[in-house]
Amino acid sequence: MIAVLGLVVGVVAGLLVRPEVPAAVEPYLPIAVVAALDAVFGGLRAMLDGIFDDKVFVVSFLSNVVVAALIVFLGDELGVGAQLSTGVVVVLGIRIFSNAAAIRRHVFQA
C-alpha cells in the first residue's frame, strides 16, 4: 500500500511542479515509465498472489528502469535506438498485459 501511495504522491507532485526533463534524458523517459509500470503491475500481481515483498519490489522497480534505459542507450550508441526501444516496449508491454490478465482473474474470479 505504501508503494501505491508513493506512486500517487509522485504523480500528483509531478503534475503540480511540472519538472523540466533535460534533453539528454528525454529519449529514455518513456521507456523508463513503461519499465516502472511493469514493476508496479508485477507488484500488484504479487500482492494478490500473497507473495509480495517490498524489497523485491523496490529492487525490481529500480532495476527495470535502469536496464531498460541502458538497453535504449546502447541502441542509440549502436545506431539502432529505435529498434531496441520498440523491442523493450513490446517485451514490457507483453509483461504488463500478462500481469493485468492475472490481476483481472484474481479480482473477477474469471
N, C-alpha and C. Protein backbone atom coordinates (compact mmCIF):
# COMPACT_ATOMS: atom_id res chain seq x y z
N MET A 1 0.82 -1.20 0.00
CA MET A 1 0.00 0.00 0.00
C MET A 1 0.86 1.25 0.00
N ILE A 2 1.99 1.17 0.69
CA ILE A 2 2.89 2.33 0.74
C ILE A 2 3.43 2.65 -0.65
N ALA A 3 3.72 1.60 -1.44
CA ALA A 3 4.24 1.82 -2.79
C ALA A 3 3.20 2.52 -3.67
N VAL A 4 1.96 2.09 -3.56
CA VAL A 4 0.89 2.72 -4.35
C VAL A 4 0.69 4.17 -3.91
N LEU A 5 0.71 4.40 -2.61
CA LEU A 5 0.60 5.76 -2.10
C LEU A 5 1.76 6.63 -2.60
N GLY A 6 2.96 6.07 -2.58
CA GLY A 6 4.13 6.79 -3.09
C GLY A 6 4.00 7.11 -4.56
N LEU A 7 3.45 6.18 -5.34
CA LEU A 7 3.24 6.40 -6.76
C LEU A 7 2.24 7.53 -6.98
N VAL A 8 1.14 7.51 -6.23
CA VAL A 8 0.13 8.57 -6.36
C VAL A 8 0.71 9.93 -5.98
N VAL A 9 1.44 9.98 -4.87
CA VAL A 9 2.06 11.23 -4.43
C VAL A 9 3.04 11.73 -5.50
N GLY A 10 3.82 10.81 -6.08
CA GLY A 10 4.78 11.19 -7.11
C GLY A 10 4.12 11.75 -8.36
N VAL A 11 3.02 11.12 -8.78
CA VAL A 11 2.30 11.60 -9.96
C VAL A 11 1.71 12.98 -9.69
N VAL A 12 1.08 13.15 -8.53
CA VAL A 12 0.49 14.45 -8.18
C VAL A 12 1.58 15.52 -8.10
N ALA A 13 2.69 15.20 -7.45
CA ALA A 13 3.80 16.17 -7.35
C ALA A 13 4.33 16.53 -8.73
N GLY A 14 4.45 15.54 -9.61
CA GLY A 14 4.91 15.82 -10.97
C GLY A 14 3.97 16.71 -11.74
N LEU A 15 2.67 16.52 -11.53
CA LEU A 15 1.69 17.36 -12.21
C LEU A 15 1.68 18.78 -11.68
N LEU A 16 1.90 18.92 -10.38
CA LEU A 16 1.89 20.26 -9.78
C LEU A 16 3.19 21.02 -10.05
N VAL A 17 4.31 20.36 -9.93
CA VAL A 17 5.62 21.03 -10.06
C VAL A 17 6.02 21.19 -11.52
N ARG A 18 5.60 20.26 -12.36
CA ARG A 18 5.94 20.25 -13.78
C ARG A 18 7.44 20.39 -14.01
N PRO A 19 8.21 19.38 -13.59
CA PRO A 19 9.66 19.47 -13.77
C PRO A 19 10.05 19.39 -15.24
N GLU A 20 11.15 20.04 -15.59
CA GLU A 20 11.65 20.01 -16.96
C GLU A 20 12.64 18.86 -17.08
N VAL A 21 12.47 18.06 -18.11
CA VAL A 21 13.35 16.92 -18.35
C VAL A 21 14.50 17.39 -19.23
N PRO A 22 15.74 17.13 -18.82
CA PRO A 22 16.87 17.52 -19.66
C PRO A 22 16.81 16.82 -21.02
N ALA A 23 17.27 17.50 -22.04
CA ALA A 23 17.20 16.96 -23.40
C ALA A 23 17.97 15.66 -23.54
N ALA A 24 19.04 15.50 -22.78
CA ALA A 24 19.85 14.28 -22.88
C ALA A 24 19.10 13.06 -22.35
N VAL A 25 18.19 13.26 -21.44
CA VAL A 25 17.45 12.16 -20.81
C VAL A 25 16.11 11.92 -21.49
N GLU A 26 15.65 12.87 -22.25
CA GLU A 26 14.31 12.82 -22.85
C GLU A 26 14.00 11.54 -23.63
N PRO A 27 14.92 10.99 -24.43
CA PRO A 27 14.57 9.77 -25.18
C PRO A 27 14.36 8.55 -24.29
N TYR A 28 14.90 8.58 -23.08
CA TYR A 28 14.84 7.41 -22.20
C TYR A 28 13.65 7.44 -21.25
N LEU A 29 13.02 8.59 -21.10
CA LEU A 29 11.93 8.73 -20.15
C LEU A 29 10.73 7.84 -20.47
N PRO A 30 10.24 7.80 -21.71
CA PRO A 30 9.09 6.92 -21.98
C PRO A 30 9.38 5.45 -21.69
N ILE A 31 10.59 5.01 -22.02
CA ILE A 31 10.96 3.62 -21.77
C ILE A 31 11.03 3.37 -20.27
N ALA A 32 11.57 4.32 -19.52
CA ALA A 32 11.65 4.19 -18.06
C ALA A 32 10.26 4.12 -17.44
N VAL A 33 9.33 4.89 -17.97
CA VAL A 33 7.96 4.88 -17.45
C VAL A 33 7.30 3.52 -17.72
N VAL A 34 7.49 2.98 -18.91
CA VAL A 34 6.91 1.66 -19.22
C VAL A 34 7.54 0.59 -18.33
N ALA A 35 8.84 0.68 -18.09
CA ALA A 35 9.52 -0.28 -17.21
C ALA A 35 9.00 -0.16 -15.78
N ALA A 36 8.76 1.07 -15.34
CA ALA A 36 8.22 1.28 -14.00
C ALA A 36 6.80 0.72 -13.89
N LEU A 37 5.99 0.92 -14.93
CA LEU A 37 4.64 0.36 -14.93
C LEU A 37 4.67 -1.16 -14.87
N ASP A 38 5.64 -1.76 -15.55
CA ASP A 38 5.78 -3.22 -15.49
C ASP A 38 6.04 -3.66 -14.05
N ALA A 39 6.90 -2.95 -13.35
CA ALA A 39 7.20 -3.31 -11.96
C ALA A 39 5.97 -3.11 -11.07
N VAL A 40 5.22 -2.04 -11.30
CA VAL A 40 4.03 -1.78 -10.50
C VAL A 40 2.98 -2.87 -10.70
N PHE A 41 2.72 -3.24 -11.96
CA PHE A 41 1.75 -4.30 -12.21
C PHE A 41 2.24 -5.64 -11.66
N GLY A 42 3.54 -5.89 -11.75
CA GLY A 42 4.10 -7.11 -11.17
C GLY A 42 3.95 -7.12 -9.66
N GLY A 43 4.16 -5.97 -9.03
CA GLY A 43 3.99 -5.87 -7.58
C GLY A 43 2.55 -6.08 -7.16
N LEU A 44 1.62 -5.51 -7.92
CA LEU A 44 0.20 -5.68 -7.62
C LEU A 44 -0.20 -7.15 -7.77
N ARG A 45 0.31 -7.78 -8.82
CA ARG A 45 0.02 -9.21 -9.00
C ARG A 45 0.59 -10.04 -7.85
N ALA A 46 1.81 -9.72 -7.45
CA ALA A 46 2.42 -10.45 -6.33
C ALA A 46 1.63 -10.24 -5.05
N MET A 47 1.11 -9.03 -4.84
CA MET A 47 0.31 -8.77 -3.65
C MET A 47 -0.95 -9.63 -3.66
N LEU A 48 -1.61 -9.71 -4.82
CA LEU A 48 -2.81 -10.53 -4.91
C LEU A 48 -2.51 -12.02 -4.77
N ASP A 49 -1.32 -12.44 -5.19
CA ASP A 49 -0.91 -13.84 -5.04
C ASP A 49 -0.42 -14.14 -3.63
N GLY A 50 -0.26 -13.10 -2.82
CA GLY A 50 0.19 -13.28 -1.44
C GLY A 50 1.68 -13.48 -1.30
N ILE A 51 2.45 -13.09 -2.30
CA ILE A 51 3.91 -13.27 -2.24
C ILE A 51 4.66 -11.95 -2.37
N PHE A 52 3.99 -10.83 -2.10
CA PHE A 52 4.62 -9.53 -2.24
C PHE A 52 5.71 -9.34 -1.21
N ASP A 53 6.85 -8.83 -1.65
CA ASP A 53 7.97 -8.49 -0.77
C ASP A 53 8.43 -7.10 -1.16
N ASP A 54 8.41 -6.17 -0.21
CA ASP A 54 8.73 -4.79 -0.54
C ASP A 54 10.15 -4.62 -1.05
N LYS A 55 11.10 -5.38 -0.53
CA LYS A 55 12.48 -5.28 -1.01
C LYS A 55 12.59 -5.75 -2.46
N VAL A 56 11.91 -6.83 -2.77
CA VAL A 56 11.92 -7.34 -4.14
C VAL A 56 11.27 -6.31 -5.06
N PHE A 57 10.19 -5.69 -4.61
CA PHE A 57 9.51 -4.68 -5.43
C PHE A 57 10.43 -3.51 -5.73
N VAL A 58 11.09 -2.98 -4.72
CA VAL A 58 11.96 -1.82 -4.92
C VAL A 58 13.11 -2.17 -5.86
N VAL A 59 13.74 -3.33 -5.63
CA VAL A 59 14.84 -3.74 -6.50
C VAL A 59 14.34 -3.97 -7.92
N SER A 60 13.19 -4.59 -8.07
CA SER A 60 12.62 -4.82 -9.40
C SER A 60 12.30 -3.50 -10.09
N PHE A 61 11.70 -2.58 -9.36
CA PHE A 61 11.34 -1.28 -9.91
C PHE A 61 12.58 -0.57 -10.43
N LEU A 62 13.60 -0.45 -9.58
CA LEU A 62 14.81 0.28 -9.97
C LEU A 62 15.57 -0.43 -11.07
N SER A 63 15.71 -1.74 -10.96
CA SER A 63 16.47 -2.47 -11.98
C SER A 63 15.76 -2.46 -13.33
N ASN A 64 14.43 -2.57 -13.35
CA ASN A 64 13.69 -2.49 -14.61
C ASN A 64 13.95 -1.16 -15.31
N VAL A 65 13.87 -0.08 -14.56
CA VAL A 65 14.07 1.24 -15.14
C VAL A 65 15.50 1.39 -15.66
N VAL A 66 16.47 1.00 -14.86
CA VAL A 66 17.88 1.16 -15.25
C VAL A 66 18.22 0.28 -16.45
N VAL A 67 17.80 -0.98 -16.41
CA VAL A 67 18.13 -1.89 -17.52
C VAL A 67 17.45 -1.43 -18.81
N ALA A 68 16.20 -1.03 -18.74
CA ALA A 68 15.51 -0.56 -19.95
C ALA A 68 16.20 0.68 -20.52
N ALA A 69 16.57 1.62 -19.66
CA ALA A 69 17.26 2.82 -20.12
C ALA A 69 18.63 2.47 -20.71
N LEU A 70 19.34 1.53 -20.10
CA LEU A 70 20.64 1.13 -20.63
C LEU A 70 20.52 0.44 -21.99
N ILE A 71 19.48 -0.35 -22.17
CA ILE A 71 19.28 -1.00 -23.47
C ILE A 71 19.03 0.05 -24.55
N VAL A 72 18.21 1.04 -24.24
CA VAL A 72 17.93 2.09 -25.21
C VAL A 72 19.19 2.92 -25.46
N PHE A 73 19.96 3.21 -24.41
CA PHE A 73 21.21 3.95 -24.58
C PHE A 73 22.17 3.17 -25.48
N LEU A 74 22.31 1.88 -25.22
CA LEU A 74 23.17 1.05 -26.04
C LEU A 74 22.70 1.05 -27.50
N GLY A 75 21.39 0.96 -27.69
CA GLY A 75 20.85 1.03 -29.05
C GLY A 75 21.16 2.34 -29.73
N ASP A 76 21.07 3.45 -28.99
CA ASP A 76 21.43 4.76 -29.55
C ASP A 76 22.89 4.80 -29.95
N GLU A 77 23.74 4.26 -29.11
CA GLU A 77 25.17 4.25 -29.40
C GLU A 77 25.50 3.38 -30.61
N LEU A 78 24.76 2.31 -30.81
CA LEU A 78 24.98 1.42 -31.94
C LEU A 78 24.25 1.88 -33.20
N GLY A 79 23.41 2.89 -33.06
CA GLY A 79 22.66 3.39 -34.21
C GLY A 79 21.37 2.66 -34.48
N VAL A 80 20.92 1.85 -33.54
CA VAL A 80 19.66 1.11 -33.70
C VAL A 80 18.72 1.40 -32.53
N GLY A 81 18.75 2.63 -32.06
CA GLY A 81 17.98 3.00 -30.88
C GLY A 81 16.49 2.79 -31.03
N ALA A 82 15.95 3.11 -32.20
CA ALA A 82 14.51 2.98 -32.40
C ALA A 82 14.09 1.51 -32.35
N GLN A 83 14.90 0.63 -32.95
CA GLN A 83 14.56 -0.78 -32.95
C GLN A 83 14.62 -1.37 -31.55
N LEU A 84 15.67 -1.02 -30.79
CA LEU A 84 15.76 -1.55 -29.43
C LEU A 84 14.69 -0.94 -28.54
N SER A 85 14.35 0.32 -28.74
CA SER A 85 13.26 0.93 -27.97
C SER A 85 11.95 0.20 -28.23
N THR A 86 11.69 -0.11 -29.48
CA THR A 86 10.48 -0.84 -29.83
C THR A 86 10.49 -2.22 -29.19
N GLY A 87 11.63 -2.88 -29.23
CA GLY A 87 11.75 -4.21 -28.61
C GLY A 87 11.49 -4.17 -27.11
N VAL A 88 12.04 -3.17 -26.44
CA VAL A 88 11.83 -3.03 -24.99
C VAL A 88 10.36 -2.79 -24.69
N VAL A 89 9.73 -1.91 -25.45
CA VAL A 89 8.32 -1.61 -25.22
C VAL A 89 7.45 -2.83 -25.48
N VAL A 90 7.77 -3.62 -26.51
CA VAL A 90 6.99 -4.81 -26.81
C VAL A 90 7.12 -5.83 -25.67
N VAL A 91 8.35 -6.09 -25.25
CA VAL A 91 8.56 -7.08 -24.17
C VAL A 91 7.88 -6.63 -22.89
N LEU A 92 8.09 -5.37 -22.50
CA LEU A 92 7.47 -4.89 -21.26
C LEU A 92 5.95 -4.82 -21.40
N GLY A 93 5.48 -4.48 -22.60
CA GLY A 93 4.04 -4.45 -22.83
C GLY A 93 3.41 -5.83 -22.67
N ILE A 94 4.08 -6.84 -23.17
CA ILE A 94 3.58 -8.21 -23.01
C ILE A 94 3.52 -8.57 -21.53
N ARG A 95 4.56 -8.20 -20.78
CA ARG A 95 4.58 -8.49 -19.34
C ARG A 95 3.47 -7.72 -18.62
N ILE A 96 3.25 -6.47 -19.00
CA ILE A 96 2.21 -5.67 -18.35
C ILE A 96 0.84 -6.31 -18.61
N PHE A 97 0.56 -6.69 -19.86
CA PHE A 97 -0.73 -7.30 -20.17
C PHE A 97 -0.89 -8.66 -19.50
N SER A 98 0.20 -9.40 -19.39
CA SER A 98 0.14 -10.69 -18.69
C SER A 98 -0.20 -10.48 -17.21
N ASN A 99 0.45 -9.52 -16.59
CA ASN A 99 0.15 -9.22 -15.19
C ASN A 99 -1.27 -8.67 -15.04
N ALA A 100 -1.70 -7.83 -15.98
CA ALA A 100 -3.06 -7.29 -15.92
C ALA A 100 -4.09 -8.40 -16.04
N ALA A 101 -3.81 -9.40 -16.88
CA ALA A 101 -4.74 -10.53 -17.02
C ALA A 101 -4.80 -11.33 -15.72
N ALA A 102 -3.65 -11.54 -15.08
CA ALA A 102 -3.64 -12.27 -13.80
C ALA A 102 -4.37 -11.48 -12.72
N ILE A 103 -4.21 -10.17 -12.72
CA ILE A 103 -4.91 -9.32 -11.75
C ILE A 103 -6.42 -9.39 -11.99
N ARG A 104 -6.80 -9.33 -13.26
CA ARG A 104 -8.23 -9.44 -13.60
C ARG A 104 -8.81 -10.77 -13.13
N ARG A 105 -8.07 -11.86 -13.33
CA ARG A 105 -8.54 -13.17 -12.88
C ARG A 105 -8.71 -13.20 -11.37
N HIS A 106 -7.79 -12.55 -10.65
CA HIS A 106 -7.89 -12.50 -9.18
C HIS A 106 -9.11 -11.70 -8.75
N VAL A 107 -9.28 -10.54 -9.35
CA VAL A 107 -10.32 -9.61 -8.93
C VAL A 107 -11.71 -10.14 -9.29
N PHE A 108 -11.87 -10.62 -10.52
CA PHE A 108 -13.18 -11.03 -11.01
C PHE A 108 -13.40 -12.53 -10.96
N GLN A 109 -12.43 -13.28 -10.47
CA GLN A 109 -12.53 -14.74 -10.36
C GLN A 109 -12.90 -15.36 -11.71
N ALA A 110 -12.35 -14.79 -12.79
CA ALA A 110 -12.65 -15.30 -14.13
C ALA A 110 -11.41 -15.43 -14.95
